[in-house]
Amino acid sequence: MAILFVTRRNVHARYYQQLRKHLNLATRLHIMGWPKFSAWAFLAQAFNTNLSQMIETQLIRKTAKQPKLAQLTWLANVYRGWLLIQEKCRLAKYLSLFSQEKPELLVIWNGKKLPNQTVVLAAQQLSIPIYYFENGLLPGTTTLDPNGVNQAASLPKDPAFYLAQSALVEMDFHAPKIEQRAAHRRRNQHGESALPERFIFVPFQVPHDTQIACYSPWIPDMETFYDAVVKAVKELGDPQLKVVFKEHPTWHKHYTHLYHKDPIAMFANDNVTRDIMMDAEAVITINSTVGLEALLLNKKVITLGQACFNIENLVLHADNQSQLEAHLAALSTWQMDCKLRNAFFNYLQNIYCVPGNGKECDQAHSLAIEKRLTGQDEFAHGAFHADFISLRSLK
């Protein structure tokens, strides 16, 4: 067996099942389930592995979904202890499974969430190469990266990398249509809001997502995000400039306690995100893909978290409150490097992103996945070729 797809029984499992039908590769799909008896032989190795950081990250994510957990220290400790035992047993299971099946490559979704994170750790301990799936950085695409996704993706942060490739700089870039995310069924609908004449747009993110738990060092939650932006805009002393926030459409809870907290700010939860961005003077995001969408619309972007598109002269990045305020003060004179923008997006569109997604797992999409997994596409043969593992022998 060459390539092993591991997942829970969910939408990713259905996607993998369809994908494997078209792949001209030796593959197997493993659905997570019951413990494995042979795992006992790996219990000592698993229980000697330090999982503290992994457990604390999961506790942060869980607390974001269930805030009362943070108020009950004893319950948080019980959850932490139970999770630690569970994941060490899971680690033993996958050390056993991988040792028996000896996959040449592991394919998994995201890799920064439990239980997948534990599966990744088992593969790493056995030196099994990994490819990480995630939703694509451009509409209608998929991410499939051997280094990771989001901040961990194999995207250079040096603008010179993109500008040095004349084909990417000179090629016309045709921005794909931005897709409006469907709202969670439990979200309240109140209709579109009238927007201020001048404003900064600030899209909220899902508070328990790994983008916040793993890649947002100084903005731990949306309340902090709100306060940081409002304070920074007030420091400008421009009474005409307002802040328009929008809750993430797939997050079912509402930040009603922030709706009328400050007269400088408002929420436009039912407005179309693209329309808000078109009218905004700039977009401030932690590290959301909305930031990329804003760049597609040629909007100025300030990021507050670690993002795969934190590239000098493409966006402004703030590591703290003072930097955010300084960037806002300089926003009127700062200009994005348009050549860099085109080169970066041409790289995403033509080299990095895999065309298609799980919604339409057709032959063309499957072939692109196969080429990525076997190191036969332009991404593998480019600047990162030496870092990739060739699987041509599996064909």
Protein backbone atom coordinates (compact mmCIF):
# COMPACT_ATOMS: atom_id res chain seq x y z
CA MET A 1 0.00 0.00 0.00
CA ALA A 2 1.44 3.34 -1.03
CA ILE A 3 -0.79 6.30 -0.14
CA LEU A 4 -3.00 6.30 2.94
CA PHE A 5 -5.89 8.75 3.36
CA VAL A 6 -6.94 9.10 7.02
CA THR A 7 -10.12 10.83 8.13
CA ARG A 8 -13.15 10.62 10.36
CA ARG A 9 -16.45 9.54 8.83
CA ASN A 10 -17.43 12.94 7.49
CA VAL A 11 -17.58 15.05 4.34
CA HIS A 12 -13.84 14.57 3.81
CA ALA A 13 -14.31 10.79 3.80
CA ARG A 14 -16.90 11.10 1.03
CA TYR A 15 -14.58 13.38 -0.93
CA TYR A 16 -11.66 10.96 -0.59
CA GLN A 17 -13.85 8.05 -1.69
CA GLN A 18 -14.78 9.87 -4.87
CA LEU A 19 -11.22 11.07 -5.46
CA ARG A 20 -9.68 7.61 -5.11
CA LYS A 21 -11.90 6.28 -7.90
CA HIS A 22 -10.08 8.52 -10.38
CA LEU A 23 -6.52 8.21 -9.05
CA ASN A 24 -4.17 5.93 -10.93
CA LEU A 25 -2.35 5.24 -7.68
CA ALA A 26 -2.27 2.57 -5.01
CA THR A 27 -4.33 4.09 -2.20
CA ARG A 28 -6.31 3.14 0.85
CA LEU A 29 -8.86 5.04 2.92
CA HIS A 30 -8.71 4.60 6.70
CA ILE A 31 -11.74 5.76 8.67
CA MET A 32 -10.99 6.53 12.31
CA GLY A 33 -12.84 4.32 14.74
CA TRP A 34 -12.16 1.69 17.34
CA PRO A 35 -8.85 1.22 19.19
CA LYS A 36 -6.32 -1.18 17.73
CA PHE A 37 -5.27 -4.12 19.93
CA SER A 38 -1.70 -4.14 18.63
CA ALA A 39 -1.32 -0.55 19.87
CA TRP A 40 -0.30 -1.87 23.30
CA ALA A 41 3.23 -2.40 21.96
CA PHE A 42 3.52 1.35 21.30
CA LEU A 43 1.95 2.64 24.51
CA ALA A 44 5.30 3.34 26.16
CA GLN A 45 6.47 5.41 23.19
CA ALA A 46 3.18 7.27 23.07
CA PHE A 47 3.05 8.02 26.81
CA ASN A 48 6.64 9.29 26.70
CA THR A 49 5.68 11.80 24.00
CA ASN A 50 5.02 15.35 25.16
CA LEU A 51 1.57 16.41 23.97
CA SER A 52 1.18 19.43 26.24
CA GLN A 53 1.20 22.09 23.50
CA MET A 54 -1.26 20.11 21.40
CA ILE A 55 -3.60 19.69 24.37
CA GLU A 56 -3.43 23.36 25.34
CA THR A 57 -4.22 24.42 21.76
CA GLN A 58 -7.25 22.15 21.78
CA LEU A 59 -8.32 23.60 25.13
CA ILE A 60 -8.14 27.10 23.62
CA ARG A 61 -10.32 25.97 20.72
CA LYS A 62 -12.79 24.22 23.04
CA THR A 63 -13.02 27.23 25.34
CA ALA A 64 -13.80 29.47 22.35
CA LYS A 65 -16.79 27.25 21.58
CA GLN A 66 -17.77 26.76 25.23
CA PRO A 67 -16.73 29.91 27.17
CA LYS A 68 -18.04 28.52 30.48
CA LEU A 69 -15.24 25.96 30.39
CA ALA A 70 -12.76 28.77 31.12
CA GLN A 71 -14.73 29.72 34.23
CA LEU A 72 -14.74 26.20 35.68
CA THR A 73 -11.09 25.39 36.38
CA TRP A 74 -11.85 21.92 37.72
CA LEU A 75 -13.80 21.00 34.59
CA ALA A 76 -11.05 22.34 32.35
CA ASN A 77 -8.53 20.19 34.25
CA VAL A 78 -10.73 17.11 33.89
CA TYR A 79 -11.11 17.76 30.18
CA ARG A 80 -7.35 18.31 29.82
CA GLY A 81 -6.54 15.04 31.60
CA TRP A 82 -9.10 13.01 29.65
CA LEU A 83 -7.87 14.50 26.37
CA LEU A 84 -4.25 13.73 27.22
CA ILE A 85 -4.96 10.04 27.85
CA GLN A 86 -7.19 9.76 24.79
CA GLU A 87 -4.66 11.28 22.41
CA LYS A 88 -1.75 9.25 23.77
CA CYS A 89 -3.78 6.11 23.17
CA ARG A 90 -4.62 7.39 19.70
CA LEU A 91 -0.93 8.05 19.05
CA ALA A 92 -0.13 4.45 20.00
CA LYS A 93 -2.86 3.22 17.65
CA TYR A 94 -1.47 5.06 14.64
CA LEU A 95 2.12 4.21 15.42
CA SER A 96 0.96 0.60 15.27
CA LEU A 97 -1.15 1.05 12.14
CA PHE A 98 1.57 2.86 10.22
CA SER A 99 4.23 0.39 11.32
CA GLN A 100 2.14 -2.48 9.98
CA GLU A 101 0.92 -0.92 6.72
CA LYS A 102 4.06 1.09 5.99
CA PRO A 103 2.44 3.80 3.86
CA GLU A 104 4.80 5.77 1.67
CA LEU A 105 2.65 8.86 2.05
CA LEU A 106 -0.06 10.08 4.44
CA VAL A 107 -2.82 12.39 3.20
CA ILE A 108 -4.85 14.27 5.81
CA TRP A 109 -7.05 17.35 6.14
CA ASN A 110 -5.55 20.47 7.79
CA GLY A 111 -3.39 18.61 10.33
CA LYS A 112 -3.71 21.22 13.09
CA LYS A 113 -6.93 19.94 14.66
CA LEU A 114 -7.52 16.90 16.81
CA PRO A 115 -7.71 14.03 16.13
CA ASN A 116 -5.85 14.61 12.84
CA GLN A 117 -2.99 16.36 14.64
CA THR A 118 -2.23 13.18 16.58
CA VAL A 119 -2.25 11.13 13.38
CA VAL A 120 0.23 13.60 11.88
CA LEU A 121 2.47 13.23 14.93
CA ALA A 122 2.52 9.45 14.51
CA ALA A 123 3.54 9.82 10.87
CA GLN A 124 6.25 12.31 11.79
CA GLN A 125 7.69 9.97 14.42
CA LEU A 126 7.93 7.26 11.75
CA SER A 127 9.31 9.68 9.10
CA ILE A 128 6.32 9.20 6.79
CA PRO A 129 5.86 12.11 4.36
CA ILE A 130 2.56 13.98 4.65
CA TYR A 131 0.39 15.99 2.30
CA TYR A 132 -2.14 18.34 3.85
CA PHE A 133 -5.52 19.13 2.30
CA GLU A 134 -7.48 22.33 2.92
CA ASN A 135 -9.95 24.58 1.14
CA GLY A 136 -8.18 26.52 -1.59
CA LEU A 137 -6.76 30.02 -1.21
CA LEU A 138 -8.61 31.07 -4.36
CA PRO A 139 -12.30 30.45 -5.08
CA GLY A 140 -12.93 27.07 -6.71
CA THR A 141 -9.54 25.60 -5.74
CA THR A 142 -8.00 23.17 -3.26
CA THR A 143 -4.83 23.36 -1.20
CA LEU A 144 -2.62 20.26 -1.18
CA ASP A 145 0.72 21.06 0.42
CA PRO A 146 3.56 18.90 1.82
CA ASN A 147 4.48 21.49 4.46
CA GLY A 148 1.09 22.38 5.89
CA VAL A 149 -1.73 24.85 5.35
CA ASN A 150 -2.43 28.48 6.25
CA GLN A 151 0.69 30.00 7.84
CA ALA A 152 2.56 26.68 7.45
CA ALA A 153 1.98 26.57 3.68
CA SER A 154 4.86 26.38 1.20
CA LEU A 155 4.42 29.96 0.07
CA PRO A 156 7.55 32.15 0.21
CA LYS A 157 7.19 35.38 2.18
CA ASP A 158 9.97 37.08 0.23
CA PRO A 159 8.52 39.38 -2.46
CA ALA A 160 11.67 38.88 -4.53
CA PHE A 161 10.66 35.25 -5.14
CA TYR A 162 7.58 36.36 -7.09
CA LEU A 163 9.06 39.44 -8.75
CA ALA A 164 12.03 37.44 -10.04
CA GLN A 165 9.73 35.28 -12.17
CA SER A 166 9.09 37.47 -15.19
CA ALA A 167 6.36 35.19 -16.54
CA LEU A 168 4.33 35.70 -13.37
CA VAL A 169 4.87 39.46 -13.39
CA GLU A 170 3.98 39.95 -17.04
CA MET A 171 1.09 37.51 -17.23
CA ASP A 172 -2.37 39.05 -17.06
CA PHE A 173 -4.23 38.02 -13.93
CA HIS A 174 -7.94 37.51 -14.16
CA ALA A 175 -9.40 37.46 -10.68
CA PRO A 176 -11.88 34.62 -10.06
CA LYS A 177 -15.37 35.43 -8.87
CA ILE A 178 -15.56 35.77 -5.09
CA GLU A 179 -18.05 33.30 -3.66
CA GLN A 180 -20.44 34.44 -0.93
CA ARG A 181 -20.32 32.06 2.04
CA ALA A 182 -23.64 30.53 3.02
CA ALA A 183 -24.88 31.65 6.44
CA HIS A 184 -25.25 29.19 9.29
CA ARG A 185 -28.86 28.09 9.69
CA ARG A 186 -28.92 29.48 13.25
CA ARG A 187 -27.81 32.96 12.26
CA ASN A 188 -30.34 35.74 12.68
CA GLN A 189 -31.24 37.63 9.52
CA HIS A 190 -32.12 41.34 9.71
CA GLY A 191 -31.48 42.50 6.16
CA GLU A 192 -28.74 44.67 4.69
CA SER A 193 -27.51 47.73 6.59
CA ALA A 194 -26.74 51.17 5.18
CA LEU A 195 -22.99 51.68 5.23
CA PRO A 196 -21.10 54.84 6.27
CA GLU A 197 -19.61 57.06 3.59
CA ARG A 198 -16.06 56.25 4.75
CA PHE A 199 -15.10 53.15 6.70
CA ILE A 200 -12.62 50.38 7.41
CA PHE A 201 -13.98 46.85 6.97
CA VAL A 202 -13.20 44.26 9.66
CA PRO A 203 -14.43 40.68 9.09
CA PHE A 204 -14.66 38.49 12.18
CA GLN A 205 -13.33 34.93 12.06
CA VAL A 206 -14.50 31.67 13.60
CA PRO A 207 -13.11 32.00 17.15
CA HIS A 208 -12.20 28.33 17.62
CA ASP A 209 -10.53 27.91 14.22
CA THR A 210 -6.84 27.01 14.07
CA GLN A 211 -6.21 30.37 12.37
CA ILE A 212 -6.93 31.96 15.76
CA ALA A 213 -5.76 29.20 18.12
CA CYS A 214 -2.44 28.61 16.32
CA TYR A 215 -1.64 31.70 14.27
CA SER A 216 -2.92 34.74 16.15
CA PRO A 217 -0.33 35.60 18.82
CA TRP A 218 -1.82 38.85 20.13
CA ILE A 219 -5.50 38.67 19.15
CA PRO A 220 -6.98 35.70 21.07
CA ASP A 221 -10.65 36.42 20.38
CA MET A 222 -13.06 38.66 18.51
CA GLU A 223 -13.62 40.97 21.48
CA THR A 224 -9.91 41.80 21.52
CA PHE A 225 -10.04 42.22 17.76
CA TYR A 226 -12.92 44.71 18.06
CA ASP A 227 -11.22 46.73 20.79
CA ALA A 228 -7.86 46.88 18.98
CA VAL A 229 -9.35 48.17 15.73
CA VAL A 230 -11.72 50.67 17.34
CA LYS A 231 -8.91 52.08 19.49
CA ALA A 232 -6.60 52.38 16.48
CA VAL A 233 -9.19 54.17 14.33
CA LYS A 234 -10.01 56.56 17.17
CA GLU A 235 -6.32 57.43 17.45
CA LEU A 236 -6.50 58.86 13.93
CA GLY A 237 -8.80 61.61 15.15
CA ASP A 238 -10.89 61.44 11.97
CA PRO A 239 -14.58 61.70 12.98
CA GLN A 240 -15.76 60.79 9.47
CA LEU A 241 -13.99 57.42 9.42
CA LYS A 242 -16.04 54.54 10.82
CA VAL A 243 -15.53 50.80 11.31
CA VAL A 244 -17.81 48.19 9.77
CA PHE A 245 -17.63 44.72 11.31
CA LYS A 246 -19.19 41.53 10.02
CA GLU A 247 -19.59 38.31 11.97
CA HIS A 248 -18.40 35.16 10.23
CA PRO A 249 -21.39 33.68 8.38
CA THR A 250 -20.60 30.09 9.42
CA TRP A 251 -20.34 30.97 13.14
CA HIS A 252 -23.73 30.43 14.75
CA LYS A 253 -23.30 32.69 17.77
CA HIS A 254 -23.82 36.45 17.78
CA TYR A 255 -21.68 39.17 19.38
CA THR A 256 -24.69 41.18 20.50
CA HIS A 257 -22.69 42.69 23.37
CA LEU A 258 -20.56 44.48 20.77
CA TYR A 259 -23.31 45.71 18.46
CA HIS A 260 -23.71 49.08 20.18
CA LYS A 261 -20.53 49.22 22.24
CA ASP A 262 -19.05 52.23 20.42
CA PRO A 263 -20.67 54.80 18.08
CA ILE A 264 -17.71 54.65 15.73
CA ALA A 265 -18.53 51.03 14.85
CA MET A 266 -21.41 49.07 13.36
CA PHE A 267 -22.15 45.50 12.22
CA ALA A 268 -23.34 44.65 8.70
CA ASN A 269 -23.87 40.92 9.11
CA ASP A 270 -26.33 40.51 6.26
CA ASN A 271 -24.51 42.61 3.67
CA VAL A 272 -22.62 40.86 0.90
CA THR A 273 -18.95 40.74 1.90
CA ARG A 274 -17.70 41.63 -1.57
CA ASP A 275 -19.94 44.69 -1.67
CA ILE A 276 -18.66 45.88 1.71
CA MET A 277 -15.05 45.47 0.60
CA MET A 278 -15.64 47.36 -2.62
CA ASP A 279 -16.72 50.44 -0.65
CA ALA A 280 -14.16 50.15 2.16
CA GLU A 281 -11.01 52.25 2.34
CA ALA A 282 -9.12 49.22 3.66
CA VAL A 283 -9.64 45.80 5.20
CA ILE A 284 -8.21 44.75 8.55
CA THR A 285 -8.11 41.01 9.14
CA ILE A 286 -6.33 38.66 11.52
CA ASN A 287 -5.43 36.13 8.82
CA SER A 288 -8.70 35.32 7.07
CA THR A 289 -9.00 34.41 3.39
CA VAL A 290 -11.18 37.54 3.23
CA GLY A 291 -7.84 39.32 3.24
CA LEU A 292 -6.91 37.53 0.03
CA GLU A 293 -10.31 38.37 -1.43
CA ALA A 294 -9.71 42.03 -0.58
CA LEU A 295 -6.40 41.87 -2.45
CA LEU A 296 -8.25 40.38 -5.41
CA LEU A 297 -10.30 43.59 -5.38
CA ASN A 298 -7.13 45.72 -5.15
CA LYS A 299 -7.96 46.82 -1.61
CA LYS A 300 -5.36 47.74 1.00
CA VAL A 301 -5.06 45.06 3.69
CA ILE A 302 -3.67 45.11 7.21
CA THR A 303 -3.14 41.75 8.92
CA LEU A 304 -2.83 41.28 12.68
CA GLY A 305 -2.02 37.56 12.72
CA GLN A 306 0.30 35.17 10.98
CA ALA A 307 -0.93 34.71 7.41
CA CYS A 308 0.47 32.94 4.37
CA PHE A 309 0.09 36.22 2.46
CA ASN A 310 2.05 38.37 4.92
CA ILE A 311 4.37 39.62 2.21
CA GLU A 312 6.06 43.01 2.39
CA ASN A 313 4.58 45.51 -0.09
CA LEU A 314 1.56 43.25 -0.61
CA VAL A 315 -0.02 43.85 2.80
CA LEU A 316 0.75 45.79 5.96
CA HIS A 317 1.28 43.59 9.00
CA ALA A 318 0.97 44.61 12.66
CA ASP A 319 2.43 42.53 15.49
CA ASN A 320 0.98 44.79 18.19
CA GLN A 321 -1.33 47.74 18.86
CA SER A 322 1.24 50.44 18.18
CA GLN A 323 2.10 48.97 14.79
CA LEU A 324 -1.58 48.79 13.90
CA GLU A 325 -2.01 52.45 14.76
CA ALA A 326 1.10 53.40 12.79
CA HIS A 327 -0.10 51.48 9.71
CA LEU A 328 -3.51 53.13 9.87
CA ALA A 329 -1.89 56.55 10.12
CA ALA A 330 0.21 55.82 7.02
CA LEU A 331 -2.58 54.10 5.08
CA SER A 332 -3.47 57.07 2.87
CA THR A 333 0.05 57.27 1.44
CA TRP A 334 0.95 53.56 1.38
CA GLN A 335 0.47 51.73 -1.90
CA MET A 336 0.47 48.04 -2.66
CA ASP A 337 3.01 46.84 -5.24
CA CYS A 338 0.71 45.97 -8.15
CA LYS A 339 3.37 43.93 -9.96
CA LEU A 340 3.90 41.89 -6.81
CA ARG A 341 0.14 41.41 -6.43
CA ASN A 342 -0.19 40.09 -9.96
CA ALA A 343 2.83 37.82 -9.64
CA PHE A 344 1.62 36.44 -6.32
CA PHE A 345 -1.88 35.69 -7.57
CA ASN A 346 -0.57 34.25 -10.83
CA TYR A 347 1.59 31.94 -8.74
CA LEU A 348 -1.44 30.88 -6.70
CA GLN A 349 -3.68 30.44 -9.72
CA ASN A 350 -1.26 28.72 -12.08
CA ILE A 351 1.15 26.87 -9.82
CA TYR A 352 0.21 26.54 -6.16
CA CYS A 353 -3.56 26.03 -5.98
CA VAL A 354 -5.05 22.79 -7.27
CA PRO A 355 -7.97 23.61 -9.60
CA GLY A 356 -11.36 22.29 -8.54
CA ASN A 357 -12.62 21.08 -5.19
CA GLY A 358 -14.59 18.37 -3.44
CA LYS A 359 -17.93 19.75 -4.62
CA GLU A 360 -17.09 18.66 -8.15
CA CYS A 361 -14.57 15.87 -7.85
CA ASP A 362 -14.27 15.36 -11.60
CA GLN A 363 -11.55 13.80 -13.72
CA ALA A 364 -9.66 17.07 -14.24
CA HIS A 365 -9.54 17.81 -10.51
CA SER A 366 -8.46 14.25 -9.71
CA LEU A 367 -5.70 14.39 -12.31
CA ALA A 368 -4.39 17.62 -10.78
CA ILE A 369 -4.40 15.96 -7.34
CA GLU A 370 -2.55 12.95 -8.76
CA LYS A 371 0.12 15.15 -10.31
CA ARG A 372 0.59 17.00 -7.03
CA LEU A 373 0.90 13.78 -5.01
CA THR A 374 3.38 12.29 -7.47
CA GLY A 375 5.49 15.42 -7.87
CA GLN A 376 4.68 15.85 -11.56
CA ASP A 377 3.14 19.31 -11.59
CA GLU A 378 4.84 22.68 -11.98
CA PHE A 379 4.69 23.32 -8.23
CA ALA A 380 6.84 20.27 -7.51
CA HIS A 381 9.30 21.08 -10.30
CA GLY A 382 9.69 24.71 -9.29
CA ALA A 383 11.57 26.36 -6.45
CA PHE A 384 10.55 23.70 -3.96
CA HIS A 385 11.49 20.67 -6.05
CA ALA A 386 14.34 19.63 -3.77
CA ASP A 387 12.02 19.58 -0.76
CA PHE A 388 9.44 17.33 -2.35
CA ILE A 389 9.33 13.56 -2.33
CA SER A 390 8.87 12.01 -5.73
CA LEU A 391 6.35 9.17 -5.86
CA ARG A 392 6.64 8.35 -9.55
CA SER A 393 7.54 4.78 -8.67
CA LEU A 394 3.98 4.34 -7.39
CA LYS A 395 2.49 4.87 -10.84
